[in-house]
């Protein structure tokens, strides 16, 4: 009998300690053999906390790390992410590595390794569909406070869901709709990126989303945190790649920003009913506190290792 693939998760992150621990513990609980956490701030206090989780490799991205990897620290965070996942894919002994952010949580309807075994051996990547978290006013505020998640809507359906903002978000999603990828390790010439990969300069074939996997994306479930992050997202983050959205939000006053968020991100009963009818709604409680409690903890090492395993 052929052994099932072994897989891990790679992230480059800056996030609160509790979120980092929840991210690592959740994916270890799903069956990840290794979770690599690349701390963009090498002095991040979350690095010490995460070093106590079995199965986690803490990577402090300090000057020495970048000099050894590529000569100097890349200026853009997207470039740093790509360097980190490229390093892991080239060196790991695992079969697949999922590259995601600290606000993205994989869920699976059956064991992840079985889903990976479905992939044609000639295909180097497996794409996972994003489901974006909606703000629920009934829940306590927080970066991981959500229970309703929506997928991209078919053409023409966004207007009924988010009204006049459909022109800015044709698929009804505030963040990315293309998903993230599992990369097959040690594929010659494979250069992984944030949402795909290239082989010898050509786009690597990814195929459709796997029907038994989903990526829950806690992009903006907390209105205060979303507004605090808005300047970065408009100038250096995801929204710069949607010029219409970027221009609208950059020119909007406080009242319009609040109206936009309410229409687009709030789990109103009418919106939930519409999403449910369109098969575009997931209702999920990840039980993240229980995942952290279940994760085996070890004393942190004096100097956390950075090498893939």
Protein backbone atom coordinates (compact mmCIF):
# COMPACT_ATOMS: atom_id res chain seq x y z
CA UNK A 1 0.00 0.00 0.00
CA UNK A 2 1.38 3.43 -0.98
CA UNK A 3 2.09 5.69 1.97
CA UNK A 4 0.04 8.88 2.16
CA UNK A 5 1.89 12.16 1.55
CA UNK A 6 3.39 14.02 4.49
CA UNK A 7 2.71 17.74 4.55
CA UNK A 8 3.51 20.92 6.41
CA UNK A 9 2.59 24.60 6.60
CA UNK A 10 4.80 27.62 6.00
CA UNK A 11 3.96 31.20 7.02
CA UNK A 12 5.72 34.55 7.29
CA UNK A 13 3.96 36.48 9.99
CA UNK A 14 3.48 39.30 12.45
CA UNK A 15 0.50 38.58 14.68
CA UNK A 16 -0.54 38.56 18.36
CA UNK A 17 0.77 35.68 20.46
CA UNK A 18 -2.64 34.06 20.85
CA UNK A 19 -3.28 34.11 17.11
CA UNK A 20 0.13 32.62 16.34
CA UNK A 21 -0.41 29.79 18.82
CA UNK A 22 -3.90 29.12 17.46
CA UNK A 23 -2.59 29.07 13.88
CA UNK A 24 0.15 26.57 14.68
CA UNK A 25 -1.95 24.36 16.96
CA UNK A 26 -4.84 24.20 14.51
CA UNK A 27 -2.69 22.96 11.63
CA UNK A 28 -0.78 20.52 13.80
CA UNK A 29 -4.15 19.14 14.87
CA UNK A 30 -5.11 18.68 11.21
CA UNK A 31 -2.09 16.45 10.69
CA UNK A 32 0.70 18.79 9.60
CA UNK A 33 4.06 17.13 10.22
CA UNK A 34 5.76 20.51 10.58
CA UNK A 35 4.71 24.15 10.84
CA UNK A 36 7.38 26.69 9.90
CA UNK A 37 6.77 30.13 11.40
CA UNK A 38 8.98 32.82 9.85
CA UNK A 39 8.90 35.84 12.15
CA UNK A 40 9.36 39.01 10.10
CA UNK A 41 10.37 40.74 13.33
CA UNK A 42 13.09 38.53 14.81
CA UNK A 43 12.34 39.92 18.28
CA UNK A 44 8.62 39.17 18.08
CA UNK A 45 7.49 37.90 21.51
CA UNK A 46 5.28 35.34 19.78
CA UNK A 47 8.42 33.53 18.62
CA UNK A 48 9.31 32.45 22.16
CA UNK A 49 5.76 31.25 22.81
CA UNK A 50 5.55 29.30 19.54
CA UNK A 51 8.89 27.62 20.18
CA UNK A 52 7.16 25.63 22.92
CA UNK A 53 4.83 23.83 20.50
CA UNK A 54 5.96 20.41 19.33
CA UNK A 55 6.15 20.25 15.56
CA UNK A 56 6.81 23.97 15.14
CA UNK A 57 10.03 25.35 13.65
CA UNK A 58 10.55 28.98 14.66
CA UNK A 59 12.55 31.00 12.13
CA UNK A 60 13.70 34.45 13.26
CA UNK A 61 14.23 36.47 10.08
CA UNK A 62 17.10 38.64 11.29
CA UNK A 63 19.91 40.18 9.29
CA UNK A 64 22.05 37.05 9.47
CA UNK A 65 19.17 34.94 8.15
CA UNK A 66 18.63 37.18 5.12
CA UNK A 67 22.34 37.51 4.37
CA UNK A 68 22.70 33.73 4.31
CA UNK A 69 19.56 33.23 2.23
CA UNK A 70 19.75 35.95 -0.43
CA UNK A 71 22.32 38.59 0.50
CA UNK A 72 19.99 41.13 2.12
CA UNK A 73 16.45 41.54 3.41
CA UNK A 74 13.97 42.02 0.52
CA UNK A 75 12.19 45.35 0.72
CA UNK A 76 8.65 44.10 0.11
CA UNK A 77 6.90 41.69 2.45
CA UNK A 78 5.59 39.74 -0.57
CA UNK A 79 9.19 39.14 -1.67
CA UNK A 80 10.13 37.96 1.81
CA UNK A 81 7.22 35.51 1.79
CA UNK A 82 8.30 34.08 -1.55
CA UNK A 83 11.90 33.65 -0.41
CA UNK A 84 10.79 31.83 2.71
CA UNK A 85 8.46 29.37 1.00
CA UNK A 86 11.03 28.79 -1.74
CA UNK A 87 13.63 27.85 0.87
CA UNK A 88 11.30 25.39 2.57
CA UNK A 89 10.13 23.72 -0.66
CA UNK A 90 13.71 23.23 -1.80
CA UNK A 91 14.96 21.69 1.45
CA UNK A 92 12.15 19.92 3.29
CA UNK A 93 11.84 16.15 3.50
CA UNK A 94 8.04 16.42 3.42
CA UNK A 95 6.02 15.81 0.27
CA UNK A 96 3.93 19.00 0.25
CA UNK A 97 4.01 22.43 1.87
CA UNK A 98 1.01 24.73 2.18
CA UNK A 99 1.93 28.42 2.05
CA UNK A 100 -0.58 30.65 3.87
CA UNK A 101 -0.81 33.67 6.18
CA UNK A 102 -1.47 33.79 9.91
CA UNK A 103 -5.10 34.81 9.29
CA UNK A 104 -5.79 31.77 7.10
CA UNK A 105 -6.87 28.40 8.53
CA UNK A 106 -7.16 25.22 6.50
CA UNK A 107 -10.18 22.98 7.06
CA UNK A 108 -10.80 19.57 5.52
CA UNK A 109 -13.80 17.30 5.08
CA UNK A 110 -11.50 14.25 5.18
CA UNK A 111 -7.81 13.78 6.09
CA UNK A 112 -5.61 16.32 4.33
CA UNK A 113 -3.10 13.65 3.30
CA UNK A 114 -5.86 11.76 1.45
CA UNK A 115 -6.76 14.92 -0.44
CA UNK A 116 -3.13 15.44 -1.43
CA UNK A 117 -2.95 11.84 -2.63
CA UNK A 118 -5.71 12.71 -5.12
CA UNK A 119 -3.39 15.08 -6.97
CA UNK A 120 -2.09 13.93 -10.35
CA UNK A 121 1.64 13.14 -9.88
CA UNK A 122 2.41 15.44 -12.82
CA UNK A 123 0.83 18.45 -11.14
CA UNK A 124 3.12 20.44 -8.83
CA UNK A 125 0.46 22.44 -6.95
CA UNK A 126 -2.94 21.89 -5.37
CA UNK A 127 -5.09 24.98 -4.96
CA UNK A 128 -7.34 25.58 -1.92
CA UNK A 129 -10.45 27.77 -2.14
CA UNK A 130 -10.68 30.82 0.16
CA UNK A 131 -13.75 31.46 2.33
CA UNK A 132 -13.77 34.95 3.81
CA UNK A 133 -14.84 35.57 7.41
CA UNK A 134 -17.79 37.86 8.03
CA UNK A 135 -18.13 40.16 11.01
CA UNK A 136 -20.63 38.86 13.56
CA UNK A 137 -21.75 41.64 15.96
CA UNK A 138 -22.92 38.97 18.43
CA UNK A 139 -19.38 37.66 18.96
CA UNK A 140 -16.62 39.26 21.05
CA UNK A 141 -14.27 41.37 18.89
CA UNK A 142 -10.98 39.83 17.84
CA UNK A 143 -8.89 38.84 14.82
CA UNK A 144 -10.27 35.27 14.82
CA UNK A 145 -13.83 36.05 15.90
CA UNK A 146 -16.12 34.69 13.18
CA UNK A 147 -18.41 31.77 12.47
CA UNK A 148 -19.75 32.67 9.01
CA UNK A 149 -17.54 32.45 5.92
CA UNK A 150 -18.41 33.25 2.29
CA UNK A 151 -16.90 32.07 -0.97
CA UNK A 152 -16.71 34.05 -4.21
CA UNK A 153 -20.09 34.61 -5.81
CA UNK A 154 -20.87 33.81 -9.44
CA UNK A 155 -21.05 36.60 -12.00
CA UNK A 156 -24.01 38.91 -11.44
CA UNK A 157 -24.79 37.73 -7.89
CA UNK A 158 -22.70 40.28 -6.02
CA UNK A 159 -25.13 43.16 -6.58
CA UNK A 160 -27.85 41.41 -4.58
CA UNK A 161 -25.39 40.71 -1.77
CA UNK A 162 -23.50 43.99 -1.38
CA UNK A 163 -25.47 46.50 -3.41
CA UNK A 164 -23.64 49.46 -4.92
CA UNK A 165 -20.25 48.07 -3.90
CA UNK A 166 -20.52 45.20 -6.37
CA UNK A 167 -18.80 47.38 -8.96
CA UNK A 168 -15.74 47.41 -6.70
CA UNK A 169 -16.00 43.72 -5.72
CA UNK A 170 -17.55 41.81 -8.66
CA UNK A 171 -17.32 38.46 -6.83
CA UNK A 172 -18.48 39.90 -3.51
CA UNK A 173 -15.16 39.19 -1.76
CA UNK A 174 -13.01 41.84 -0.12
CA UNK A 175 -9.77 39.87 -0.26
CA UNK A 176 -8.31 37.34 -2.70
CA UNK A 177 -10.49 34.86 -4.55
CA UNK A 178 -7.75 32.79 -6.22
CA UNK A 179 -6.86 30.86 -3.06
CA UNK A 180 -3.56 29.53 -1.78
CA UNK A 181 -1.53 26.47 -2.73
CA UNK A 182 0.03 23.28 -1.54
CA UNK A 183 3.38 22.99 -3.34
CA UNK A 184 4.93 19.65 -4.13
CA UNK A 185 8.42 19.73 -2.62
CA UNK A 186 11.65 19.48 -4.59
CA UNK A 187 10.09 19.93 -8.04
CA UNK A 188 12.97 20.95 -10.35
CA UNK A 189 12.67 24.57 -11.45
CA UNK A 190 9.59 25.29 -9.30
CA UNK A 191 9.46 28.88 -8.00
CA UNK A 192 6.55 29.20 -5.56
CA UNK A 193 4.79 32.52 -5.03
CA UNK A 194 1.93 33.76 -2.88
CA UNK A 195 -0.94 32.46 -5.02
CA UNK A 196 0.74 30.10 -7.48
CA UNK A 197 4.06 29.05 -8.92
CA UNK A 198 6.20 29.06 -12.05
CA UNK A 199 8.37 26.39 -13.60
CA UNK A 200 11.09 27.59 -15.93
CA UNK A 201 9.28 30.89 -16.23
CA UNK A 202 5.91 29.38 -17.15
CA UNK A 203 2.84 29.37 -14.90
CA UNK A 204 2.55 26.02 -13.12
CA UNK A 205 -0.75 24.22 -13.75
CA UNK A 206 -2.95 24.32 -10.67
CA UNK A 207 -6.30 23.01 -11.75
CA UNK A 208 -9.52 23.50 -9.81
CA UNK A 209 -9.95 23.91 -6.08
CA UNK A 210 -10.05 20.60 -4.21
CA UNK A 211 -13.67 19.96 -3.20
CA UNK A 212 -12.80 18.60 0.26
CA UNK A 213 -10.50 21.45 1.32
CA UNK A 214 -11.23 25.06 2.26
CA UNK A 215 -9.18 27.99 3.52
CA UNK A 216 -10.98 30.09 6.11
CA UNK A 217 -9.62 33.62 5.74
CA UNK A 218 -10.01 35.92 8.74
CA UNK A 219 -9.27 38.95 6.59
CA UNK A 220 -11.59 41.48 8.22
CA UNK A 221 -13.93 40.05 10.88
CA UNK A 222 -13.12 42.89 13.34
CA UNK A 223 -14.13 46.37 12.09
CA UNK A 224 -11.71 48.28 14.34
CA UNK A 225 -8.76 46.10 13.32
CA UNK A 226 -9.76 46.37 9.66
CA UNK A 227 -9.80 50.15 9.79
CA UNK A 228 -6.45 50.21 11.57
CA UNK A 229 -4.93 48.03 8.82
CA UNK A 230 -6.55 49.96 5.97
CA UNK A 231 -3.70 52.43 5.26
CA UNK A 232 -1.22 49.57 4.81
CA UNK A 233 -3.58 47.52 2.67
CA UNK A 234 -4.28 50.50 0.41
CA UNK A 235 -0.63 51.34 -0.19
CA UNK A 236 1.38 48.13 0.27
CA UNK A 237 -1.10 45.30 0.74
CA UNK A 238 -3.82 43.53 -1.22
CA UNK A 239 -6.03 46.51 -2.07
CA UNK A 240 -3.37 48.18 -4.24
CA UNK A 241 -4.06 45.44 -6.80
CA UNK A 242 -7.73 46.49 -7.09
CA UNK A 243 -7.43 50.10 -8.34
CA UNK A 244 -11.17 50.82 -8.19
CA UNK A 245 -11.42 49.65 -4.57
CA UNK A 246 -8.19 51.43 -3.67
CA UNK A 247 -9.41 54.75 -5.10
CA UNK A 248 -12.82 54.50 -3.45
CA UNK A 249 -11.54 53.72 0.03
CA UNK A 250 -8.66 56.22 -0.19
CA UNK A 251 -11.15 59.02 -0.93
CA UNK A 252 -13.85 57.87 1.52
CA UNK A 253 -14.62 59.68 4.76
CA UNK A 254 -15.26 57.89 8.05
CA UNK A 255 -18.99 57.52 7.46
CA UNK A 256 -18.49 56.00 4.01
CA UNK A 257 -15.83 53.59 5.29
CA UNK A 258 -18.26 52.43 7.98
CA UNK A 259 -21.07 52.06 5.43
CA UNK A 260 -18.81 50.08 3.12
CA UNK A 261 -17.77 47.70 5.89
CA UNK A 262 -21.34 47.16 7.06
CA UNK A 263 -22.57 46.37 3.56
CA UNK A 264 -19.65 44.16 2.55
CA UNK A 265 -18.49 42.44 5.74
CA UNK A 266 -21.30 42.26 8.30
CA UNK A 267 -23.19 38.98 8.68
CA UNK A 268 -26.66 40.45 8.24
CA UNK A 269 -29.53 37.92 8.12
CA UNK A 270 -30.44 38.93 4.57
CA UNK A 271 -26.85 38.47 3.38
CA UNK A 272 -26.55 35.10 5.11
CA UNK A 273 -29.79 33.92 3.50
CA UNK A 274 -28.57 34.97 0.07
CA UNK A 275 -25.20 33.27 0.52
CA UNK A 276 -26.84 30.12 1.83
CA UNK A 277 -29.13 29.96 -1.19
CA UNK A 278 -26.12 30.38 -3.50
CA UNK A 279 -24.18 27.58 -1.75
CA UNK A 280 -21.64 30.23 -0.82
CA UNK A 281 -21.81 30.07 3.00
CA UNK A 282 -19.91 27.95 5.52
CA UNK A 283 -20.77 28.04 9.23
CA UNK A 284 -17.81 26.83 11.26
CA UNK A 285 -16.47 27.01 14.81
CA UNK A 286 -12.78 26.12 14.75
CA UNK A 287 -12.59 25.67 18.56
CA UNK A 288 -9.17 27.31 18.51
CA UNK A 289 -8.80 27.53 22.29
CA UNK A 290 -9.20 23.75 22.50
CA UNK A 291 -6.63 23.29 19.72
CA UNK A 292 -4.06 25.31 21.66
CA UNK A 293 -4.75 23.35 24.84
CA UNK A 294 -4.35 20.07 22.96
CA UNK A 295 -1.01 21.02 21.39
CA UNK A 296 1.93 19.37 23.15
CA UNK A 297 4.25 21.96 24.70
CA UNK A 298 7.98 21.60 25.23
CA UNK A 299 10.42 23.99 26.93
CA UNK A 300 11.64 26.53 24.33
CA UNK A 301 15.16 25.97 23.07
CA UNK A 302 17.78 28.61 23.95
CA UNK A 303 18.22 29.42 20.24
CA UNK A 304 15.34 28.17 18.06
CA UNK A 305 16.55 26.37 14.96
CA UNK A 306 15.75 27.74 11.53
CA UNK A 307 16.45 24.79 9.26
CA UNK A 308 13.73 22.81 7.54
CA UNK A 309 13.14 19.26 8.71
